Amino acid sequence: MSAVRTAVRTAGRQALVAAAAAAALFAGAGSATAAATDQAPRPGNWLYTVVIEGDDAVGDMKGNLLRCPPPKGSGHPAAAVACKQLKAVDGDIAKIKRADVACPMIYQPVTAMSYGMWDGRRMVFAKNYPNACVMHASTGSVFKSA
């Protein structure tokens, strides 16, 4: 019975990731017109990053706003390093080269999600990882939290 529960939780988590990515895309599409007419565009590149912990569809969330180049007192704890990593892959988190680190084979799932703008393009990323070590090895400092 636990295999069925795990499959259901995994499917629910994947549906949540897909829904969050779609919502971010649709929200960005609607707000782009409003931003162009009501206010000046945001300068620089930025991503709002969120990590959801746990294996349920909804878990504890930790989020940060990453602005590149990072201003003084940035809310992201590793902004300078993360911006450098993102610049190397033109803002595409999925293209960050996985670090050669050994991660424990402990199942403590996390979901990494981000949305924002990079060089005038909307960026959305969402992916499930078996644990935080694998997530950080795959995404560098982008999802580092305080």
Protein backbone atom coordinates (compact mmCIF):
# COMPACT_ATOMS: atom_id res chain seq x y z
CA MET A 1 0.00 0.00 0.00
CA SER A 2 2.91 2.39 0.62
CA ALA A 3 3.99 2.07 -3.03
CA VAL A 4 0.55 3.29 -4.07
CA ARG A 5 0.73 6.19 -1.61
CA THR A 6 4.18 7.12 -2.88
CA ALA A 7 2.97 7.03 -6.49
CA VAL A 8 -0.03 9.20 -5.64
CA ARG A 9 2.15 11.71 -3.76
CA THR A 10 4.65 11.82 -6.62
CA ALA A 11 1.88 12.37 -9.16
CA GLY A 12 0.37 15.09 -6.98
CA ARG A 13 3.72 16.78 -6.58
CA GLN A 14 4.38 16.68 -10.34
CA ALA A 15 0.92 18.13 -10.98
CA LEU A 16 1.67 20.92 -8.49
CA VAL A 17 4.94 21.73 -10.26
CA ALA A 18 3.22 21.81 -13.66
CA ALA A 19 0.39 23.98 -12.30
CA ALA A 20 2.83 26.41 -10.68
CA ALA A 21 4.84 26.72 -13.89
CA ALA A 22 1.68 27.30 -15.94
CA ALA A 23 0.35 29.83 -13.44
CA ALA A 24 3.63 31.74 -13.51
CA LEU A 25 3.55 31.81 -17.31
CA PHE A 26 -0.06 32.99 -17.47
CA ALA A 27 0.41 35.52 -14.68
CA GLY A 28 3.48 36.89 -16.42
CA ALA A 29 1.68 37.12 -19.76
CA GLY A 30 -1.15 39.18 -18.27
CA SER A 31 1.07 41.45 -16.23
CA ALA A 32 3.50 42.18 -19.06
CA THR A 33 0.94 44.42 -20.80
CA ALA A 34 0.05 46.18 -17.57
CA ALA A 35 3.70 46.73 -16.70
CA ALA A 36 4.42 48.21 -20.11
CA THR A 37 1.63 50.76 -19.84
CA ASP A 38 1.52 51.56 -16.12
CA GLN A 39 5.16 51.64 -15.10
CA ALA A 40 8.70 51.38 -16.38
CA PRO A 41 10.05 47.83 -16.75
CA ARG A 42 12.09 46.40 -13.89
CA PRO A 43 15.79 47.00 -14.48
CA GLY A 44 18.14 44.05 -14.53
CA ASN A 45 17.53 40.35 -14.33
CA TRP A 46 15.58 38.78 -11.49
CA LEU A 47 14.17 35.43 -10.38
CA TYR A 48 11.91 34.62 -7.48
CA THR A 49 13.03 31.23 -6.20
CA VAL A 50 11.04 28.87 -3.97
CA VAL A 51 11.90 25.50 -2.46
CA ILE A 52 9.08 23.28 -1.16
CA GLU A 53 10.20 20.63 1.32
CA GLY A 54 8.51 17.30 1.95
CA ASP A 55 6.78 14.63 -0.09
CA ASP A 56 3.23 15.95 0.16
CA ALA A 57 1.76 18.09 -2.59
CA VAL A 58 2.18 21.12 -0.34
CA GLY A 59 4.98 21.54 2.15
CA ASP A 60 7.07 24.19 3.89
CA MET A 61 8.18 26.88 1.44
CA LYS A 62 11.37 28.91 1.49
CA GLY A 63 11.68 31.68 -1.08
CA ASN A 64 14.06 34.47 -2.09
CA LEU A 65 14.20 37.22 -4.67
CA LEU A 66 17.42 36.99 -6.66
CA ARG A 67 18.34 40.18 -8.54
CA CYS A 68 21.30 40.34 -10.92
CA PRO A 69 23.48 42.22 -10.49
CA PRO A 70 22.74 41.93 -6.79
CA PRO A 71 22.14 45.18 -4.90
CA LYS A 72 23.64 45.74 -1.48
CA GLY A 73 21.65 43.96 1.19
CA SER A 74 20.16 41.52 -1.31
CA GLY A 75 17.63 39.08 0.15
CA HIS A 76 19.40 36.14 -1.47
CA PRO A 77 22.26 34.72 0.64
CA ALA A 78 24.50 33.80 -2.34
CA ALA A 79 23.37 36.36 -4.90
CA ALA A 80 26.77 37.14 -6.44
CA VAL A 81 27.65 33.48 -7.04
CA ALA A 82 24.13 32.62 -8.27
CA CYS A 83 24.15 35.56 -10.70
CA LYS A 84 27.52 34.45 -12.07
CA GLN A 85 26.20 30.90 -12.56
CA LEU A 86 23.04 32.16 -14.27
CA LYS A 87 24.96 34.53 -16.51
CA ALA A 88 27.05 31.59 -17.76
CA VAL A 89 23.87 29.75 -18.89
CA ASP A 90 21.92 32.81 -20.09
CA GLY A 91 19.51 32.58 -17.15
CA ASP A 92 18.44 28.98 -17.84
CA ILE A 93 18.67 27.07 -14.54
CA ALA A 94 18.26 23.72 -16.33
CA LYS A 95 21.55 24.34 -18.17
CA ILE A 96 23.65 24.76 -15.01
CA LYS A 97 26.29 22.03 -15.03
CA ARG A 98 25.77 19.55 -12.20
CA ALA A 99 28.50 19.74 -9.58
CA ASP A 100 30.55 16.59 -9.05
CA VAL A 101 29.54 15.92 -5.45
CA ALA A 102 28.48 12.79 -3.63
CA CYS A 103 25.00 13.17 -2.19
CA PRO A 104 23.53 10.79 0.39
CA MET A 105 20.90 8.36 -0.87
CA ILE A 106 18.33 9.66 1.61
CA TYR A 107 14.85 10.39 0.30
CA GLN A 108 13.86 13.82 1.61
CA PRO A 109 12.20 15.30 -1.49
CA VAL A 110 12.23 18.95 -2.42
CA THR A 111 10.69 20.85 -5.31
CA ALA A 112 12.58 23.83 -6.73
CA MET A 113 10.56 26.48 -8.57
CA SER A 114 11.42 29.90 -9.96
CA TYR A 115 9.95 32.54 -12.21
CA GLY A 116 11.22 35.90 -13.34
CA MET A 117 12.88 37.81 -16.17
CA TRP A 118 16.30 37.35 -17.78
CA ASP A 119 17.43 39.67 -20.57
CA GLY A 120 13.81 40.59 -21.29
CA ARG A 121 12.59 36.96 -21.44
CA ARG A 122 10.18 35.33 -19.01
CA MET A 123 11.84 32.44 -17.22
CA VAL A 124 10.06 29.59 -15.43
CA PHE A 125 11.70 26.56 -13.83
CA ALA A 126 10.21 23.76 -11.75
CA LYS A 127 11.73 20.40 -10.89
CA ASN A 128 11.49 17.71 -8.20
CA TYR A 129 14.65 16.38 -6.54
CA PRO A 130 15.11 13.43 -4.16
CA ASN A 131 16.88 15.65 -1.60
CA ALA A 132 18.36 19.12 -1.13
CA CYS A 133 21.91 17.94 -1.85
CA VAL A 134 20.94 16.75 -5.34
CA MET A 135 19.02 20.00 -5.91
CA HIS A 136 22.01 22.17 -4.95
CA ALA A 137 24.39 20.01 -7.01
CA SER A 138 22.09 20.50 -10.02
CA THR A 139 21.21 24.18 -9.58
CA GLY A 140 24.31 25.70 -8.01
CA SER A 141 23.63 28.57 -5.63
CA VAL A 142 20.35 29.66 -7.23
CA PHE A 143 18.12 28.00 -4.62
CA LYS A 144 20.37 28.61 -1.64
CA SER A 145 18.36 29.80 1.34
CA ALA A 146 19.29 31.74 4.44
